[in-house]
Amino acid sequence: MDLLRHLRYFRAVAEELHFGRAAERLGMAQPPLSQRIRGLEEELGARLFDRSSRGVRLTAAGEVLLAESEELLARVERARTLVARAHRGEHGTLRIGVPPELPGSVLARVLTAFAAEAPGVQVEPRVFSTAEQVGLLAERELDAGFLQHPVEPAGLVGEPATDLPLGVVLPRDSPLAGTGPLTLASLRGSPLVIFPRQAAPGLYDATLGACRAQGYHPPRVVHAGSPEVVMGLVIAGRGIALAHAAVARKEPRVLWRPLAAEALAWPVSFVYPAAAPHPAARRLAPTATAVLRAEAEAEPPGPLGPAGAADPGAAPRPWDVVYAVRRGDGG
């Protein structure tokens, strides 16, 4: 028996208290409707209606079923609606991988833009390296992710990678703490702080290859698994780092200088499984790619730190005020 359909027949009769009007409302003949109601009564083992020459009325059992069926049918309708929305990528939870090196400002813009587009989708960012994401996406432990290239993500699809420009993170007292863009060759003699090779082998090799091709041969390579550790090592004088400007804005004890145009960039793309992807992943892909491209096309800021501000007319950052006050006090 199709219980849900029979419940809808029952509710029509219960609300009309007339088999003829209920049949007309349902678009069917009265005899089949009466048969459906008798079948429901047999299924439930209870009489639902009292039928007499004076009319039709609900029995006590019918009153109970009327109250219970309202909530049941409402839940079924809600389930159908949510399933349809999930199928369209408008509902559910989307687990996305994010490499530690992706600027938080980029992730924030992606989440904000997608929340406006699909407010019913709960996006859960999870921090994993590119190498970890490739495995987790294959195992369906992640629904989508930001991958750093070059990488060969078998079974994954996405739009072409976007080159995010880099700059150099330096200690505040570095001899390179000047103004204007730096070349990679100008970094010669400085150790390089970078993520471990196993996190993104392709990008690691491409980065060191570009450095050496442009005259920068790091005398020592120091590995750090997170941006916070990278900053700590730079502050401690263990080397310089290559990063996006957003990294330096969070740390008052370093400064950031842009690299010369086209000196080096880190390609990133948003990908998801080609086979049976999460519908919301396909929907998020254009938004994520648009944000990455906007970041890549934005005019790079000037030096950030004691050597200059990104925008001379902008309000000073908290640490700029602190250092200015100390210098003015002669401290």
Protein backbone atom coordinates (compact mmCIF):
# COMPACT_ATOMS: atom_id res chain seq x y z
CA MET A 1 0.00 0.00 0.00
CA ASP A 2 1.16 3.53 -0.82
CA LEU A 3 0.54 4.87 2.68
CA LEU A 4 1.30 8.50 1.89
CA ARG A 5 -1.13 8.57 -1.02
CA HIS A 6 -3.82 6.91 1.08
CA LEU A 7 -3.24 9.45 3.84
CA ARG A 8 -3.84 12.25 1.35
CA TYR A 9 -7.13 10.56 0.31
CA PHE A 10 -8.04 10.27 3.97
CA ARG A 11 -7.33 13.94 4.71
CA ALA A 12 -9.45 15.07 1.77
CA VAL A 13 -12.45 13.10 3.09
CA ALA A 14 -11.75 14.20 6.69
CA GLU A 15 -11.67 17.86 5.69
CA GLU A 16 -14.72 17.70 3.41
CA LEU A 17 -16.68 15.14 5.47
CA HIS A 18 -18.25 14.20 2.17
CA PHE A 19 -16.98 11.47 -0.17
CA GLY A 20 -18.42 13.09 -3.30
CA ARG A 21 -16.81 16.50 -2.68
CA ALA A 22 -13.55 14.84 -1.64
CA ALA A 23 -13.49 12.77 -4.84
CA GLU A 24 -14.10 15.89 -6.92
CA ARG A 25 -11.33 17.72 -5.09
CA LEU A 26 -8.94 14.82 -5.76
CA GLY A 27 -9.97 14.54 -9.39
CA MET A 28 -11.22 10.97 -9.15
CA ALA A 29 -14.47 9.03 -9.03
CA GLN A 30 -16.16 8.37 -5.71
CA PRO A 31 -16.14 4.52 -5.79
CA PRO A 32 -12.31 4.24 -6.09
CA LEU A 33 -11.96 6.78 -3.27
CA SER A 34 -14.25 4.75 -1.02
CA GLN A 35 -12.19 1.65 -1.84
CA ARG A 36 -8.95 3.44 -0.88
CA ILE A 37 -10.41 4.51 2.46
CA ARG A 38 -11.61 0.98 3.22
CA GLY A 39 -8.16 -0.33 2.34
CA LEU A 40 -6.57 2.17 4.73
CA GLU A 41 -8.95 1.14 7.49
CA GLU A 42 -8.04 -2.50 6.92
CA GLU A 43 -4.33 -1.65 6.97
CA LEU A 44 -4.65 0.24 10.27
CA GLY A 45 -7.20 -2.15 11.79
CA ALA A 46 -9.53 0.67 12.77
CA ARG A 47 -12.65 2.35 11.42
CA LEU A 48 -11.87 5.95 10.52
CA PHE A 49 -15.29 7.27 9.53
CA ASP A 50 -18.84 6.77 10.70
CA ARG A 51 -21.07 6.74 7.63
CA SER A 52 -24.83 7.24 8.08
CA SER A 53 -27.77 8.82 6.34
CA ARG A 54 -27.03 11.98 8.28
CA GLY A 55 -23.55 12.25 6.79
CA VAL A 56 -19.91 11.37 7.46
CA ARG A 57 -17.99 12.04 10.64
CA LEU A 58 -14.62 11.06 12.01
CA THR A 59 -14.32 8.31 14.62
CA ALA A 60 -11.96 8.69 17.59
CA ALA A 61 -9.35 6.75 15.61
CA GLY A 62 -9.94 9.05 12.65
CA GLU A 63 -9.42 12.13 14.81
CA VAL A 64 -6.04 10.77 15.95
CA LEU A 65 -4.97 9.93 12.38
CA LEU A 66 -6.00 13.40 11.16
CA ALA A 67 -3.76 15.08 13.74
CA GLU A 68 -0.81 12.72 13.14
CA SER A 69 -1.06 12.74 9.36
CA GLU A 70 -0.76 16.54 9.18
CA GLU A 71 2.71 16.50 10.71
CA LEU A 72 3.74 13.39 8.77
CA LEU A 73 2.73 14.80 5.39
CA ALA A 74 4.33 18.15 6.23
CA ARG A 75 7.62 16.39 7.05
CA VAL A 76 7.46 14.41 3.82
CA GLU A 77 6.88 17.60 1.84
CA ARG A 78 9.74 19.31 3.65
CA ALA A 79 12.00 16.34 2.91
CA ARG A 80 11.10 16.51 -0.77
CA THR A 81 11.83 20.22 -0.85
CA LEU A 82 15.20 19.81 0.87
CA VAL A 83 16.17 16.91 -1.38
CA ALA A 84 15.36 19.01 -4.45
CA ARG A 85 17.33 21.97 -3.08
CA ALA A 86 20.30 19.72 -2.25
CA HIS A 87 20.18 18.32 -5.77
CA ARG A 88 20.38 21.87 -7.12
CA GLY A 89 23.29 22.71 -4.79
CA GLU A 90 21.17 24.97 -2.59
CA HIS A 91 21.21 22.97 0.65
CA GLY A 92 23.49 20.76 2.70
CA THR A 93 27.08 20.76 3.97
CA LEU A 94 30.04 21.25 1.64
CA ARG A 95 33.49 20.20 2.90
CA ILE A 96 36.27 22.09 1.12
CA GLY A 97 40.02 21.73 1.51
CA VAL A 98 42.12 24.83 1.99
CA PRO A 99 45.95 24.85 1.87
CA PRO A 100 47.58 26.75 4.76
CA GLU A 101 49.15 29.20 2.32
CA LEU A 102 45.83 30.44 0.88
CA PRO A 103 45.27 34.00 2.14
CA GLY A 104 42.51 34.20 4.72
CA SER A 105 41.12 37.25 2.95
CA VAL A 106 40.56 35.18 -0.21
CA LEU A 107 38.76 32.46 1.73
CA ALA A 108 36.62 35.08 3.49
CA ARG A 109 35.53 36.61 0.20
CA VAL A 110 34.68 33.19 -1.23
CA LEU A 111 32.58 32.27 1.80
CA THR A 112 30.82 35.64 1.91
CA ALA A 113 29.98 35.63 -1.79
CA PHE A 114 28.70 32.06 -1.73
CA ALA A 115 26.64 32.64 1.42
CA ALA A 116 24.76 35.36 -0.45
CA GLU A 117 24.26 33.07 -3.44
CA ALA A 118 23.36 29.86 -1.59
CA PRO A 119 22.46 30.65 2.03
CA GLY A 120 21.19 27.11 2.60
CA VAL A 121 24.64 25.57 2.08
CA GLN A 122 26.95 25.25 5.08
CA VAL A 123 30.53 25.44 3.80
CA GLU A 124 33.08 23.76 6.10
CA PRO A 125 36.70 24.77 5.28
CA ARG A 126 39.28 22.21 6.39
CA VAL A 127 42.99 22.96 6.30
CA PHE A 128 44.97 20.36 4.37
CA SER A 129 48.00 20.50 2.11
CA THR A 130 47.55 19.98 -1.61
CA ALA A 131 48.93 16.44 -1.39
CA GLU A 132 46.54 15.58 1.44
CA GLN A 133 43.58 17.05 -0.42
CA VAL A 134 44.21 14.93 -3.52
CA GLY A 135 43.90 11.78 -1.41
CA LEU A 136 40.91 13.00 0.60
CA LEU A 137 39.05 14.06 -2.55
CA ALA A 138 39.62 10.63 -4.07
CA GLU A 139 38.24 9.00 -0.91
CA ARG A 140 35.29 11.45 -0.82
CA GLU A 141 36.39 12.72 2.58
CA LEU A 142 36.33 16.18 0.98
CA ASP A 143 33.81 17.51 -1.54
CA ALA A 144 36.06 20.12 -3.16
CA GLY A 145 39.27 22.00 -2.51
CA PHE A 146 41.79 24.66 -3.46
CA LEU A 147 44.84 22.95 -4.97
CA GLN A 148 48.26 24.48 -5.56
CA HIS A 149 49.75 23.71 -8.97
CA PRO A 150 51.47 22.06 -10.69
CA VAL A 151 49.62 18.92 -9.61
CA GLU A 152 48.04 15.98 -11.41
CA PRO A 153 44.65 15.58 -9.74
CA ALA A 154 43.35 12.41 -11.42
CA GLY A 155 39.57 12.26 -11.47
CA LEU A 156 39.16 15.93 -10.52
CA VAL A 157 37.85 18.81 -12.59
CA GLY A 158 38.01 22.56 -12.25
CA GLU A 159 38.71 25.75 -14.13
CA PRO A 160 42.29 26.68 -15.11
CA ALA A 161 44.55 27.65 -12.23
CA THR A 162 44.88 31.31 -11.25
CA ASP A 163 48.35 32.75 -10.57
CA LEU A 164 48.39 34.52 -7.21
CA PRO A 165 51.33 36.98 -7.11
CA LEU A 166 53.85 36.75 -4.30
CA GLY A 167 56.08 39.09 -2.36
CA VAL A 168 58.93 38.71 0.10
CA VAL A 169 58.45 38.62 3.87
CA LEU A 170 61.46 40.08 5.71
CA PRO A 171 62.48 40.89 9.26
CA ARG A 172 61.91 44.57 10.02
CA ASP A 173 65.66 45.19 10.32
CA SER A 174 66.58 43.43 7.07
CA PRO A 175 68.99 45.23 4.69
CA LEU A 176 66.31 44.68 2.05
CA ALA A 177 63.77 46.76 4.00
CA GLY A 178 63.55 49.45 1.34
CA THR A 179 60.88 50.48 -1.15
CA GLY A 180 59.85 49.19 -4.53
CA PRO A 181 59.66 45.67 -5.90
CA LEU A 182 62.41 43.15 -5.31
CA THR A 183 63.92 40.76 -7.81
CA LEU A 184 64.61 37.18 -6.86
CA ALA A 185 68.27 37.77 -7.57
CA SER A 186 68.35 40.46 -4.87
CA LEU A 187 67.56 37.77 -2.29
CA ARG A 188 70.88 35.97 -2.84
CA GLY A 189 72.57 35.00 0.39
CA SER A 190 69.28 34.78 2.32
CA PRO A 191 67.97 31.40 3.53
CA LEU A 192 64.47 30.57 2.30
CA VAL A 193 61.60 29.60 4.61
CA ILE A 194 59.04 27.53 2.73
CA PHE A 195 56.44 24.81 3.24
CA PRO A 196 57.68 21.16 3.25
CA ARG A 197 58.03 19.55 -0.16
CA GLN A 198 55.58 16.76 0.68
CA ALA A 199 52.79 19.32 1.13
CA ALA A 200 52.81 20.31 -2.57
CA PRO A 201 55.72 18.66 -4.42
CA GLY A 202 54.97 20.27 -7.79
CA LEU A 203 54.73 23.80 -6.42
CA TYR A 204 57.78 23.31 -4.18
CA ASP A 205 59.97 22.21 -7.10
CA ALA A 206 58.60 24.93 -9.39
CA THR A 207 59.27 27.62 -6.76
CA LEU A 208 62.86 26.60 -6.11
CA GLY A 209 63.42 26.15 -9.84
CA ALA A 210 62.19 29.70 -10.56
CA CYS A 211 64.36 31.10 -7.77
CA ARG A 212 67.49 29.44 -9.12
CA ALA A 213 66.67 30.34 -12.73
CA GLN A 214 66.47 34.02 -11.71
CA GLY A 215 69.70 34.10 -9.73
CA TYR A 216 68.53 33.25 -6.21
CA HIS A 217 70.21 30.13 -4.84
CA PRO A 218 69.16 29.88 -1.18
CA PRO A 219 72.15 28.84 0.94
CA ARG A 220 69.72 27.00 3.18
CA VAL A 221 66.06 25.96 2.90
CA VAL A 222 64.07 25.94 6.15
CA HIS A 223 60.72 24.14 6.18
CA ALA A 224 57.61 25.34 8.02
CA GLY A 225 54.21 23.65 8.03
CA SER A 226 52.04 26.71 8.65
CA PRO A 227 52.08 30.47 8.00
CA GLU A 228 52.43 31.10 11.74
CA VAL A 229 55.63 29.04 11.89
CA VAL A 230 56.88 30.77 8.74
CA MET A 231 56.41 34.16 10.41
CA GLY A 232 58.12 32.95 13.57
CA LEU A 233 61.17 31.79 11.64
CA VAL A 234 61.37 35.05 9.68
CA ILE A 235 61.08 37.10 12.89
CA ALA A 236 63.84 34.99 14.45
CA GLY A 237 66.12 35.80 11.51
CA ARG A 238 66.19 32.27 10.11
CA GLY A 239 65.48 33.47 6.59
CA ILE A 240 63.06 35.24 4.27
CA ALA A 241 59.77 33.85 2.96
CA LEU A 242 57.69 34.10 -0.17
CA ALA A 243 54.04 34.84 0.57
CA HIS A 244 51.00 36.93 -0.25
CA ALA A 245 50.68 40.43 1.18
CA ALA A 246 47.86 39.33 3.49
CA VAL A 247 50.35 37.31 5.55
CA ALA A 248 52.42 40.36 6.53
CA ARG A 249 49.38 42.42 7.50
CA LYS A 250 48.81 40.16 10.49
CA GLU A 251 52.32 40.42 11.91
CA PRO A 252 53.83 43.77 13.07
CA ARG A 253 57.38 42.41 13.36
CA VAL A 254 57.86 41.74 9.64
CA LEU A 255 57.51 43.71 6.45
CA TRP A 256 56.43 42.64 2.99
CA ARG A 257 57.81 43.85 -0.32
CA PRO A 258 56.35 42.92 -3.72
CA LEU A 259 58.35 40.95 -6.23
CA ALA A 260 59.07 42.35 -9.64
CA ALA A 261 56.31 41.72 -12.18
CA GLU A 262 56.04 38.09 -13.28
CA ALA A 263 58.96 37.08 -11.07
CA LEU A 264 57.02 34.34 -9.31
CA ALA A 265 53.42 33.35 -8.59
CA TRP A 266 51.65 30.42 -6.95
CA PRO A 267 48.92 28.91 -9.17
CA VAL A 268 45.74 27.86 -7.35
CA SER A 269 42.51 26.33 -8.63
CA PHE A 270 39.22 25.17 -7.13
CA VAL A 271 38.52 21.53 -8.01
CA TYR A 272 36.01 18.78 -7.25
CA PRO A 273 35.50 15.12 -8.29
CA ALA A 274 34.50 14.64 -11.91
CA ALA A 275 32.26 11.68 -11.10
CA ALA A 276 29.09 12.37 -9.08
CA PRO A 277 30.30 15.64 -7.53
CA HIS A 278 28.51 17.38 -4.70
CA PRO A 279 26.02 19.70 -6.46
CA ALA A 280 27.08 22.63 -4.27
CA ALA A 281 30.72 22.12 -5.35
CA ARG A 282 29.78 22.71 -8.97
CA ARG A 283 27.83 25.77 -7.91
CA LEU A 284 30.68 27.18 -5.79
CA ALA A 285 33.35 26.68 -8.47
CA PRO A 286 32.58 29.83 -10.54
CA THR A 287 32.39 31.97 -7.38
CA ALA A 288 35.69 30.64 -6.03
CA THR A 289 37.39 31.12 -9.39
CA ALA A 290 36.06 34.67 -9.74
CA VAL A 291 37.47 35.58 -6.32
CA LEU A 292 40.87 34.05 -7.16
CA ARG A 293 41.01 35.99 -10.42
CA ALA A 294 40.03 39.23 -8.71
CA GLU A 295 42.84 38.68 -6.20
CA ALA A 296 45.32 38.01 -9.00
CA GLU A 297 44.25 41.06 -10.99
CA ALA A 298 44.24 43.46 -8.04
CA GLU A 299 47.00 46.03 -8.06
CA PRO A 300 49.69 44.78 -5.65
CA PRO A 301 50.18 46.94 -2.56
CA GLY A 302 53.33 48.83 -1.89
CA PRO A 303 55.72 47.70 0.84
CA LEU A 304 53.97 46.83 4.10
CA GLY A 305 55.90 47.54 7.27
CA PRO A 306 58.19 50.27 8.56
CA ALA A 307 59.45 51.06 5.08
CA GLY A 308 56.06 52.23 3.85
CA ALA A 309 52.32 51.69 3.86
CA ALA A 310 50.17 50.19 1.15
CA ASP A 311 48.07 53.36 1.06
CA PRO A 312 49.56 56.61 2.43
CA GLY A 313 46.06 58.01 2.89
CA ALA A 314 44.78 55.02 4.81
CA ALA A 315 44.38 54.91 8.56
CA PRO A 316 47.55 53.65 10.23
CA ARG A 317 47.55 50.08 11.46
CA PRO A 318 47.68 49.59 15.26
CA TRP A 319 51.34 48.60 15.33
CA ASP A 320 52.32 51.60 13.13
CA VAL A 321 50.79 53.86 15.77
CA VAL A 322 52.61 52.03 18.57
CA TYR A 323 55.98 52.30 16.87
CA ALA A 324 55.39 55.94 15.91
CA VAL A 325 54.56 56.86 19.50
CA ARG A 326 57.66 55.09 20.78
CA ARG A 327 59.87 56.82 18.26
CA GLY A 328 58.34 60.18 19.17
CA ASP A 329 58.99 59.51 22.86
CA GLY A 330 62.58 58.73 22.10
CA GLY A 331 62.10 55.14 23.33
